[in-house]
Every structure is written in C-alpha cells, then in structure tokens.
Amino acid sequence: MSRSKDDLLVSILEALGYDLESQSTEVDVDVRVTERDNDNDTSKKEELIREESRIVLDHQIQNLHDVDDVAARTVRITAIIIGGLLGVTSLSGDQGVSLSSTYVLWGGAYLLLSILLGLHTYNVSDPYFGPGKAVLNEWTDHSSKEELVPAMNRKYAEWIDDMEVLGAINGLSLDLTQLSLGIGLVYTSFGFLLTATPSDEYGPVRNVLVDFKGSLVHGVPLVLILLATGFLIGYSSRRF
C-alpha cells in the first residue's frame, strides 16, 4: 500500500529530528491554557465590577439615611422652638412677645417652612436597595452569561447615577431646611429684642429694627426658598 504525500512528508521530517506530534500537542495545550486564563481574568473583572458597584450603592444609601436623620432632628428641633415660642407668648401676656409682632410673624413663617422642607427631605428619598421584579425578569431573558453580565453592569451604572442625583437633591433640600430654620431663629430673636429691651437701651440697633420691620425685603428669602424647593420637587418628580 502506497503512503500519501502527507505521510511521506511527516516521515521525512521525523527522520530529520522534528517531533511533530509533541510540538502539536504543546501548541494545543498552550492555546487552551491561554483561553482558560483569559476566561478567568474576565470573570474576576466582572465580579470585581459588581462588588465595587454594590459598595458604591450601599455607601450612597447610607448617605441618604444620614441626611434623613438630620432632617428628622431638624424638624423636631423646629417644632420644639415653635412650641416654646407659643408658650412664652401665651404665659407672658401683655409683658411678653406678641404674636402680632412683625418679626415674630416672619420668624414663625420661616420656622413653619423649615418643618415642611424637613418633611419633604425625609420623604423624598427612594433608594435602590437592589434589583426588583422588573429587573430580575429582564435579566432572565438573557440566555447566556455573555449577555447577562454586561446588562447587569449597565443596570448598576444606572442605579449609581440615579442615586447620585437623588443624594444631591436630598442634600440641597436639607440645606434649605436648615437655612429656613436659621432665618426663623434670627427673626424671632429680633422680635424678642424689640420687646424685651427698653427704648433707651441699644438705641441704634433697636431703631434700625423698628424702621426695617415693615419692609417687604423680609419676604425675599422666603420667596427664593420656595422657588428652589419647587424646582427640586419638579425635577425629582420628572427624574424619578
């Protein structure tokens, strides 16, 4: 039986000292090992991305909880101040601070606004704790891991982006809450100052406050805070 040209070529090369079978085997093994290493590296990268994304989301959720706690404390403090102010005016009678005082009225308006803003800050939070039913159903539609992993990473990126915006909105709302509280305290303090100090003491300061108490400028911060709050509410309702 005659040998084929390929067999003859193999015999010649082997006679010259080339171990074709061993070299072929080594090449195959090297290729398989390289592909396996690449698969392992890809899996490790994907797992690392998911772990880091989960850490970022957990940190963002914790920040939201911290903001909510501060907002709740601010509301409680403001409520105590309003209660104390009402108590002082009711017990002191004609000798105390009147609720009809211009500065007291403006101070009360800012304090009430602070409570409303604090409640908004506390209630606007809607963190993403993990994939919901819709997301899980979407993920199960992917037939292979090669399709699922990129979809998961994209969804984590969307969550992180949304949580970043939500955290910024909450932070600004908390700032407005505390700003309104501060302005309310300033105005009520002025009301106490005008009532408690005799007209012959602290004349310059008292005269400035008396001359300024009827000005419409007192409502400018209130209007600005309301506009900023309306913008935050409108933006958050459209975004989320």
Protein backbone atom coordinates (compact mmCIF):
# COMPACT_ATOMS: atom_id res chain seq x y z
CA MET A 1 0.00 0.00 0.00
CA SER A 2 1.44 3.36 -1.04
CA ARG A 3 1.73 6.11 1.54
CA SER A 4 0.19 9.51 0.92
CA LYS A 5 2.26 12.60 0.35
CA ASP A 6 1.39 13.91 3.83
CA ASP A 7 2.54 10.68 5.48
CA LEU A 8 5.70 10.76 3.43
CA LEU A 9 6.40 14.37 4.42
CA VAL A 10 5.83 13.53 8.07
CA SER A 11 8.25 10.60 7.81
CA ILE A 12 10.90 12.79 6.23
CA LEU A 13 10.56 15.49 8.88
CA GLU A 14 10.63 12.94 11.69
CA ALA A 15 13.77 11.41 10.12
CA LEU A 16 15.35 14.85 10.25
CA GLY A 17 14.68 15.01 14.01
CA TYR A 18 11.44 17.01 14.18
CA ASP A 19 8.98 15.72 16.79
CA LEU A 20 5.80 16.89 15.09
CA GLU A 21 3.35 15.16 17.41
CA SER A 22 4.96 16.59 20.55
CA GLN A 23 5.08 20.13 19.11
CA SER A 24 1.47 19.98 18.01
CA THR A 25 0.39 18.82 21.42
CA GLU A 26 2.31 21.59 23.14
CA VAL A 27 0.75 24.23 20.94
CA ASP A 28 -2.75 22.92 21.65
CA VAL A 29 -2.13 22.89 25.37
CA ASP A 30 -0.71 26.39 25.32
CA VAL A 31 -3.74 27.70 23.45
CA ARG A 32 -6.17 26.02 25.81
CA VAL A 33 -4.37 27.33 28.87
CA THR A 34 -4.30 30.86 27.45
CA GLU A 35 -8.01 30.80 26.69
CA ARG A 36 -8.76 29.46 30.16
CA ASP A 37 -6.63 32.17 31.76
CA ASN A 38 -8.41 34.84 29.73
CA ASP A 39 -11.80 33.48 30.83
CA ASN A 40 -10.69 33.53 34.46
CA ASP A 41 -9.39 37.10 34.16
CA THR A 42 -12.66 38.25 32.57
CA SER A 43 -14.72 36.58 35.29
CA LYS A 44 -12.61 38.19 38.01
CA LYS A 45 -13.01 41.62 36.41
CA GLU A 46 -16.76 41.20 36.12
CA GLU A 47 -17.02 40.07 39.74
CA LEU A 48 -14.86 43.00 40.87
CA ILE A 49 -17.07 45.46 38.97
CA ARG A 50 -20.20 44.09 40.61
CA GLU A 51 -18.64 44.16 44.08
CA GLU A 52 -17.42 47.73 43.67
CA SER A 53 -20.80 48.82 42.29
CA ARG A 54 -22.59 47.27 45.26
CA ILE A 55 -20.20 49.02 47.66
CA VAL A 56 -20.86 52.37 45.99
CA LEU A 57 -24.63 51.85 46.14
CA ASP A 58 -24.50 50.85 49.81
CA HIS A 59 -22.46 53.97 50.58
CA GLN A 60 -24.96 56.17 48.73
CA ILE A 61 -27.87 54.58 50.60
CA GLN A 62 -26.11 55.21 53.91
CA ASN A 63 -25.63 58.86 52.97
CA LEU A 64 -29.36 59.14 52.27
CA HIS A 65 -30.11 57.65 55.69
CA ASP A 66 -27.75 60.18 57.31
CA VAL A 67 -29.45 63.09 55.54
CA ASP A 68 -32.87 61.77 56.57
CA ASP A 69 -31.75 61.52 60.20
CA VAL A 70 -30.52 65.12 60.19
CA ALA A 71 -33.76 66.27 58.55
CA ALA A 72 -35.84 64.47 61.20
CA ARG A 73 -33.80 66.04 64.01
CA THR A 74 -34.17 69.48 62.40
CA VAL A 75 -37.95 69.07 62.27
CA ARG A 76 -38.07 68.05 65.93
CA ILE A 77 -35.90 71.00 66.97
CA THR A 78 -38.04 73.42 64.97
CA ALA A 79 -41.24 72.02 66.47
CA ILE A 80 -39.79 72.47 69.98
CA ILE A 81 -38.83 76.07 69.16
CA ILE A 82 -42.32 76.84 67.86
CA GLY A 83 -43.87 75.23 70.93
CA GLY A 84 -41.61 77.24 73.21
CA LEU A 85 -42.41 80.44 71.35
CA LEU A 86 -46.14 79.84 71.69
CA GLY A 87 -45.70 79.01 75.36
CA VAL A 88 -43.76 82.19 76.07
CA THR A 89 -46.26 84.42 74.29
CA SER A 90 -49.26 82.81 76.00
CA LEU A 91 -47.81 82.85 79.54
CA SER A 92 -46.23 86.29 79.47
CA GLY A 93 -49.39 88.11 78.42
CA ASP A 94 -49.02 91.79 77.69
CA GLN A 95 -45.48 91.87 79.09
CA GLY A 96 -44.09 89.30 76.62
CA VAL A 97 -43.62 88.93 72.91
CA SER A 98 -46.78 89.44 70.89
CA LEU A 99 -47.64 87.12 68.03
CA SER A 100 -48.70 90.18 66.07
CA SER A 101 -45.14 91.46 66.07
CA THR A 102 -43.78 91.76 62.53
CA TYR A 103 -40.53 89.94 63.27
CA VAL A 104 -42.28 87.19 65.20
CA LEU A 105 -44.71 86.62 62.33
CA TRP A 106 -41.90 86.41 59.78
CA GLY A 107 -39.94 84.16 62.11
CA GLY A 108 -42.91 81.87 62.53
CA ALA A 109 -43.37 81.70 58.75
CA TYR A 110 -39.76 80.62 58.23
CA LEU A 111 -39.97 78.10 61.06
CA LEU A 112 -43.11 76.53 59.58
CA LEU A 113 -41.42 76.42 56.18
CA SER A 114 -38.46 74.68 57.79
CA ILE A 115 -40.76 71.95 59.11
CA LEU A 116 -42.35 71.46 55.68
CA LEU A 117 -38.95 71.33 53.97
CA GLY A 118 -37.68 68.87 56.56
CA LEU A 119 -40.66 66.59 55.95
CA HIS A 120 -40.04 66.82 52.20
CA THR A 121 -36.37 65.96 52.69
CA TYR A 122 -37.29 62.96 54.79
CA ASN A 123 -39.95 61.66 52.39
CA VAL A 124 -38.31 62.33 49.02
CA SER A 125 -35.75 59.55 49.48
CA ASP A 126 -36.41 56.43 47.43
CA PRO A 127 -33.15 54.47 47.41
CA TYR A 128 -32.48 51.45 45.23
CA PHE A 129 -31.71 48.58 47.57
CA GLY A 130 -31.28 46.06 44.76
CA PRO A 131 -32.86 44.62 41.64
CA GLY A 132 -36.63 44.49 41.71
CA LYS A 133 -39.08 42.20 39.98
CA ALA A 134 -38.96 44.02 36.65
CA VAL A 135 -35.17 43.97 36.56
CA LEU A 136 -34.97 40.30 37.51
CA ASN A 137 -37.46 39.43 34.78
CA GLU A 138 -35.37 41.41 32.32
CA TRP A 139 -32.21 39.63 33.37
CA THR A 140 -33.78 36.18 32.99
CA ASP A 141 -34.47 36.96 29.33
CA HIS A 142 -30.75 36.74 28.61
CA SER A 143 -29.88 33.23 27.51
CA SER A 144 -26.16 33.30 28.24
CA LYS A 145 -23.71 34.70 30.74
CA GLU A 146 -22.06 36.72 27.98
CA GLU A 147 -25.33 38.64 27.55
CA LEU A 148 -26.29 38.82 31.23
CA VAL A 149 -23.10 40.26 32.72
CA PRO A 150 -22.96 43.42 30.54
CA ALA A 151 -26.68 44.00 31.20
CA MET A 152 -26.08 43.76 34.96
CA ASN A 153 -23.15 46.17 34.82
CA ARG A 154 -25.18 48.68 32.80
CA LYS A 155 -28.02 48.48 35.32
CA TYR A 156 -25.63 49.05 38.24
CA ALA A 157 -24.24 52.10 36.42
CA GLU A 158 -27.78 53.48 36.01
CA TRP A 159 -28.52 52.91 39.72
CA ILE A 160 -25.35 54.67 40.79
CA ASP A 161 -26.14 57.64 38.56
CA ASP A 162 -29.73 57.91 39.85
CA MET A 163 -28.61 57.60 43.46
CA GLU A 164 -26.03 60.35 42.93
CA VAL A 165 -28.73 62.71 41.67
CA LEU A 166 -31.09 61.70 44.47
CA GLY A 167 -28.39 62.33 47.06
CA ALA A 168 -27.71 65.79 45.63
CA ILE A 169 -31.44 66.65 45.73
CA ASN A 170 -31.69 65.46 49.32
CA GLY A 171 -28.62 67.45 50.33
CA LEU A 172 -29.95 70.67 48.79
CA SER A 173 -33.35 70.13 50.40
CA LEU A 174 -31.67 69.68 53.78
CA ASP A 175 -29.66 72.88 53.24
CA LEU A 176 -32.87 74.79 52.53
CA THR A 177 -34.46 73.26 55.64
CA GLN A 178 -31.66 74.42 57.90
CA LEU A 179 -31.43 77.81 56.16
CA SER A 180 -35.10 78.42 56.81
CA LEU A 181 -34.65 77.38 60.44
CA GLY A 182 -31.75 79.79 60.84
CA ILE A 183 -33.66 82.71 59.34
CA GLY A 184 -36.65 81.90 61.55
CA LEU A 185 -34.47 81.97 64.65
CA VAL A 186 -32.99 85.32 63.62
CA TYR A 187 -36.41 86.88 63.13
CA THR A 188 -37.83 85.56 66.38
CA SER A 189 -34.72 86.78 68.18
CA PHE A 190 -35.29 90.25 66.73
CA GLY A 191 -38.90 90.08 67.94
CA PHE A 192 -37.73 89.27 71.47
CA LEU A 193 -35.10 92.02 71.28
CA LEU A 194 -37.61 94.69 70.34
CA THR A 195 -40.00 93.65 73.12
CA ALA A 196 -37.54 92.91 75.91
CA THR A 197 -35.17 95.87 75.61
CA PRO A 198 -36.26 99.31 76.83
CA SER A 199 -36.36 102.05 74.25
CA ASP A 200 -33.45 103.88 75.87
CA GLU A 201 -31.09 100.89 75.58
CA TYR A 202 -29.35 99.70 72.43
CA GLY A 203 -30.87 102.65 70.64
CA PRO A 204 -29.17 102.38 67.24
CA VAL A 205 -29.85 98.65 66.87
CA ARG A 206 -33.41 98.98 68.09
CA ASN A 207 -34.13 101.93 65.82
CA VAL A 208 -32.83 100.08 62.76
CA LEU A 209 -35.04 97.09 63.55
CA VAL A 210 -38.09 99.28 64.12
CA ASP A 211 -37.55 101.19 60.87
CA PHE A 212 -36.95 97.99 58.92
CA LYS A 213 -39.79 95.86 60.28
CA GLY A 214 -42.35 96.94 57.70
CA SER A 215 -40.14 96.28 54.68
CA LEU A 216 -41.10 93.74 52.03
CA VAL A 217 -37.46 92.66 51.89
CA HIS A 218 -38.27 90.21 54.71
CA GLY A 219 -40.14 88.04 52.23
CA VAL A 220 -37.35 87.82 49.64
CA PRO A 221 -35.57 84.84 51.27
CA LEU A 222 -38.94 83.14 51.70
CA VAL A 223 -39.75 83.50 48.02
CA LEU A 224 -36.28 82.29 46.96
CA ILE A 225 -36.51 79.24 49.22
CA LEU A 226 -39.97 78.41 47.88
CA LEU A 227 -38.76 78.73 44.28
CA ALA A 228 -35.76 76.49 44.97
CA THR A 229 -38.00 73.95 46.68
CA GLY A 230 -40.45 73.97 43.79
CA PHE A 231 -37.59 73.37 41.36
CA LEU A 232 -36.27 70.44 43.41
CA ILE A 233 -39.72 68.87 43.68
CA GLY A 234 -40.41 69.30 39.96
CA TYR A 235 -37.03 67.94 38.91
CA SER A 236 -37.18 64.95 41.26
CA SER A 237 -40.72 64.09 40.11
CA ARG A 238 -39.65 64.13 36.46
CA ARG A 239 -36.37 62.28 37.04
CA PHE A 240 -37.74 59.60 39.35
